[in-house]
Amino acid sequence: MNDQRLDKLIQGDSGAWQDLYMEISPGLFRFVLSRVGDRHAAQDIMQEGFYRLAKNLRQIRDSSSIKSWLYSTCYRLTVDWHRQRDASSTDLTLEDRSAFDPEEAAVRHEQDQAVLDAVLSLSEPHRTVVLLRIWGGLSYSEIAEITGLSEGTLRSQFYWAVRKLRQMLRSHCSGLWKDVSSSE
């Protein structure tokens, strides 16, 4: 993004807003959905995030910080959403995938669910950095702006989270392999 884009957004240029939305919304939606586990709530939170961006756009110094501002705002909105619902954990459902081979689809669904369960079992700081980095597609510097943590801390959290995920998934996959080999 460039500052011309910021000027167009401030002026209310609908094309600039549409371009911004198309650029940021897919990753932002995945991130918010992964935090709340409800498609409608995720859409509402994202809409509120863009609304707050529009209200506060003049406070943003340059266009390069819009993405991190939106992620940060939506992150705080998900925290509020959980507080309002008195929820301490997130249960997510994966979208059904259509496939020609039902057996392949079942295996893929089980693998996806295993990854999702593993990510959700991480501690909050580790889960957040994984979700922002992988599903949100954010850089460490953008995550640092959102969380207020240093890039070094985030890199360390990400490293340990990925290491833990590998351990969990390795044990899950070996369990799956035993189930498959014993049934033959």
Protein backbone atom coordinates (compact mmCIF):
# COMPACT_ATOMS: atom_id res chain seq x y z
CA MET A 1 0.00 0.00 0.00
CA ASN A 2 1.09 3.54 -0.52
CA ASP A 3 0.06 6.89 0.93
CA GLN A 4 -2.02 7.68 -2.15
CA ARG A 5 -4.11 4.71 -1.14
CA LEU A 6 -4.48 6.10 2.38
CA ASP A 7 -5.59 9.44 0.94
CA LYS A 8 -8.18 7.69 -1.25
CA LEU A 9 -9.48 5.73 1.74
CA ILE A 10 -9.79 8.91 3.80
CA GLN A 11 -11.68 10.54 0.93
CA GLY A 12 -14.08 7.59 0.89
CA ASP A 13 -13.10 6.20 -2.51
CA SER A 14 -15.21 3.04 -2.80
CA GLY A 15 -12.75 1.41 -5.20
CA ALA A 16 -9.90 1.88 -2.72
CA TRP A 17 -12.03 0.41 0.06
CA GLN A 18 -13.00 -2.54 -2.11
CA ASP A 19 -9.35 -3.18 -3.04
CA LEU A 20 -8.33 -3.01 0.62
CA TYR A 21 -11.09 -5.38 1.62
CA MET A 22 -10.24 -7.88 -1.12
CA GLU A 23 -6.57 -7.79 -0.15
CA ILE A 24 -6.92 -8.17 3.60
CA SER A 25 -10.21 -9.92 4.28
CA PRO A 26 -9.35 -13.56 3.37
CA GLY A 27 -6.49 -13.84 5.88
CA LEU A 28 -8.26 -11.69 8.45
CA PHE A 29 -11.39 -13.83 8.22
CA ARG A 30 -9.39 -17.06 8.69
CA PHE A 31 -7.69 -15.53 11.70
CA VAL A 32 -10.92 -14.30 13.32
CA LEU A 33 -12.74 -17.56 12.55
CA SER A 34 -9.91 -19.53 14.12
CA ARG A 35 -10.30 -17.44 17.28
CA VAL A 36 -14.11 -17.60 17.62
CA GLY A 37 -15.15 -20.76 15.75
CA ASP A 38 -18.38 -19.25 14.45
CA ARG A 39 -18.68 -18.00 10.86
CA HIS A 40 -21.37 -15.42 11.63
CA ALA A 41 -19.53 -14.07 14.65
CA ALA A 42 -16.31 -13.91 12.61
CA GLN A 43 -18.09 -11.92 9.88
CA ASP A 44 -19.58 -9.57 12.48
CA ILE A 45 -16.21 -9.04 14.14
CA MET A 46 -14.53 -8.38 10.81
CA GLN A 47 -17.28 -5.92 9.85
CA GLU A 48 -16.82 -4.13 13.18
CA GLY A 49 -13.07 -4.02 12.56
CA PHE A 50 -13.50 -2.36 9.15
CA TYR A 51 -16.09 0.02 10.62
CA ARG A 52 -13.64 1.07 13.33
CA LEU A 53 -10.94 1.48 10.69
CA ALA A 54 -13.18 3.85 8.75
CA LYS A 55 -13.89 5.85 11.91
CA ASN A 56 -10.22 6.06 12.92
CA LEU A 57 -8.52 6.22 9.54
CA ARG A 58 -7.26 9.78 10.03
CA GLN A 59 -5.26 8.63 13.07
CA ILE A 60 -3.24 6.17 10.99
CA ARG A 61 0.06 7.72 9.95
CA ASP A 62 0.82 5.68 6.84
CA SER A 63 -0.89 3.04 4.77
CA SER A 64 1.60 0.32 5.66
CA SER A 65 0.13 0.06 9.17
CA ILE A 66 -3.50 -0.48 8.11
CA LYS A 67 -3.21 -4.27 8.00
CA SER A 68 -1.67 -4.57 11.45
CA TRP A 69 -4.17 -2.03 12.81
CA LEU A 70 -7.05 -4.16 11.51
CA TYR A 71 -5.60 -7.41 12.86
CA SER A 72 -4.95 -5.80 16.22
CA THR A 73 -8.47 -4.40 16.40
CA CYS A 74 -10.05 -7.70 15.38
CA TYR A 75 -7.85 -9.56 17.86
CA ARG A 76 -9.14 -7.32 20.67
CA LEU A 77 -12.71 -7.80 19.41
CA THR A 78 -12.30 -11.59 19.61
CA VAL A 79 -11.04 -11.26 23.18
CA ASP A 80 -14.14 -9.17 23.98
CA TRP A 81 -16.35 -11.73 22.20
CA HIS A 82 -14.97 -14.50 24.42
CA ARG A 83 -15.39 -12.42 27.55
CA GLN A 84 -19.01 -11.72 26.68
CA ARG A 85 -19.71 -15.41 26.17
CA ASP A 86 -17.70 -16.46 29.21
CA ALA A 87 -15.83 -18.90 27.00
CA SER A 88 -12.42 -20.19 27.91
CA SER A 89 -11.83 -22.35 24.86
CA THR A 90 -12.70 -22.38 21.20
CA ASP A 91 -14.33 -25.30 19.42
CA LEU A 92 -13.97 -25.03 15.69
CA THR A 93 -15.60 -27.01 12.97
CA LEU A 94 -13.95 -27.48 9.63
CA GLU A 95 -15.83 -26.77 6.46
CA ASP A 96 -16.91 -29.87 4.60
CA ARG A 97 -14.77 -30.53 1.57
CA SER A 98 -16.29 -32.23 -1.41
CA ALA A 99 -14.13 -34.88 -2.97
CA PHE A 100 -14.61 -37.59 -5.53
CA ASP A 101 -13.26 -40.22 -3.18
CA PRO A 102 -15.19 -40.31 0.11
CA GLU A 103 -12.41 -42.30 1.81
CA GLU A 104 -9.84 -39.67 0.80
CA ALA A 105 -12.17 -36.92 2.02
CA ALA A 106 -12.57 -38.70 5.38
CA VAL A 107 -8.79 -39.05 5.79
CA ARG A 108 -8.26 -35.39 4.83
CA HIS A 109 -10.95 -34.30 7.27
CA GLU A 110 -9.36 -36.34 10.08
CA GLN A 111 -5.95 -34.84 9.28
CA ASP A 112 -7.37 -31.32 9.24
CA GLN A 113 -9.14 -31.94 12.52
CA ALA A 114 -5.93 -33.29 14.07
CA VAL A 115 -4.02 -30.15 13.06
CA LEU A 116 -6.81 -27.90 14.32
CA ASP A 117 -7.06 -29.78 17.63
CA ALA A 118 -3.28 -29.56 18.05
CA VAL A 119 -3.26 -25.80 17.41
CA LEU A 120 -6.16 -25.24 19.79
CA SER A 121 -4.40 -27.22 22.53
CA LEU A 122 -1.47 -24.76 22.55
CA SER A 123 -1.30 -22.13 25.27
CA GLU A 124 -2.91 -18.80 24.37
CA PRO A 125 0.34 -16.93 23.51
CA HIS A 126 1.64 -19.81 21.37
CA ARG A 127 -1.73 -20.33 19.67
CA THR A 128 -2.03 -16.63 18.88
CA VAL A 129 1.39 -16.36 17.22
CA VAL A 130 0.72 -19.51 15.15
CA LEU A 131 -2.69 -18.26 14.04
CA LEU A 132 -1.41 -14.80 13.14
CA ARG A 133 1.74 -16.10 11.42
CA ILE A 134 0.32 -19.06 9.49
CA TRP A 135 -3.39 -18.41 9.03
CA GLY A 136 -3.19 -14.64 9.12
CA GLY A 137 -0.05 -14.49 6.96
CA LEU A 138 1.46 -11.71 9.09
CA SER A 139 5.14 -10.94 9.53
CA TYR A 140 6.77 -10.97 12.97
CA SER A 141 6.88 -7.17 12.95
CA GLU A 142 3.14 -6.99 12.24
CA ILE A 143 2.43 -9.50 15.01
CA ALA A 144 4.63 -7.45 17.35
CA GLU A 145 2.50 -4.37 16.64
CA ILE A 146 -0.67 -6.33 17.37
CA THR A 147 0.45 -8.10 20.54
CA GLY A 148 2.89 -5.60 21.96
CA LEU A 149 5.57 -8.32 22.25
CA SER A 150 9.06 -8.12 20.83
CA GLU A 151 9.89 -9.89 17.57
CA GLY A 152 12.43 -12.04 19.43
CA THR A 153 9.78 -13.22 21.89
CA LEU A 154 7.41 -13.96 19.03
CA ARG A 155 10.04 -15.92 17.11
CA SER A 156 10.75 -17.96 20.23
CA GLN A 157 7.04 -18.60 20.87
CA PHE A 158 6.54 -19.62 17.24
CA TYR A 159 9.55 -21.96 17.33
CA TRP A 160 8.32 -23.71 20.48
CA ALA A 161 4.74 -23.84 19.22
CA VAL A 162 5.79 -25.47 15.93
CA ARG A 163 8.01 -27.91 17.82
CA LYS A 164 5.10 -28.86 20.09
CA LEU A 165 2.76 -29.20 17.09
CA ARG A 166 5.23 -31.53 15.35
CA GLN A 167 5.38 -33.73 18.46
CA MET A 168 1.60 -33.86 18.82
CA LEU A 169 1.00 -34.55 15.14
CA ARG A 170 3.77 -37.12 14.91
CA SER A 171 2.17 -39.11 17.74
CA HIS A 172 -1.29 -38.66 16.18
CA CYS A 173 -0.07 -39.80 12.75
CA SER A 174 1.69 -42.84 14.19
CA GLY A 175 -1.56 -43.73 15.95
CA LEU A 176 -3.43 -43.40 12.67
CA TRP A 177 -0.86 -45.57 10.92
CA LYS A 178 -1.24 -48.28 13.58
CA ASP A 179 -5.03 -48.18 13.17
CA VAL A 180 -4.74 -48.53 9.38
CA SER A 181 -2.13 -51.31 9.45
CA SER A 182 -3.98 -53.33 12.11
CA SER A 183 -7.25 -53.25 10.13
CA GLU A 184 -5.68 -54.86 7.05
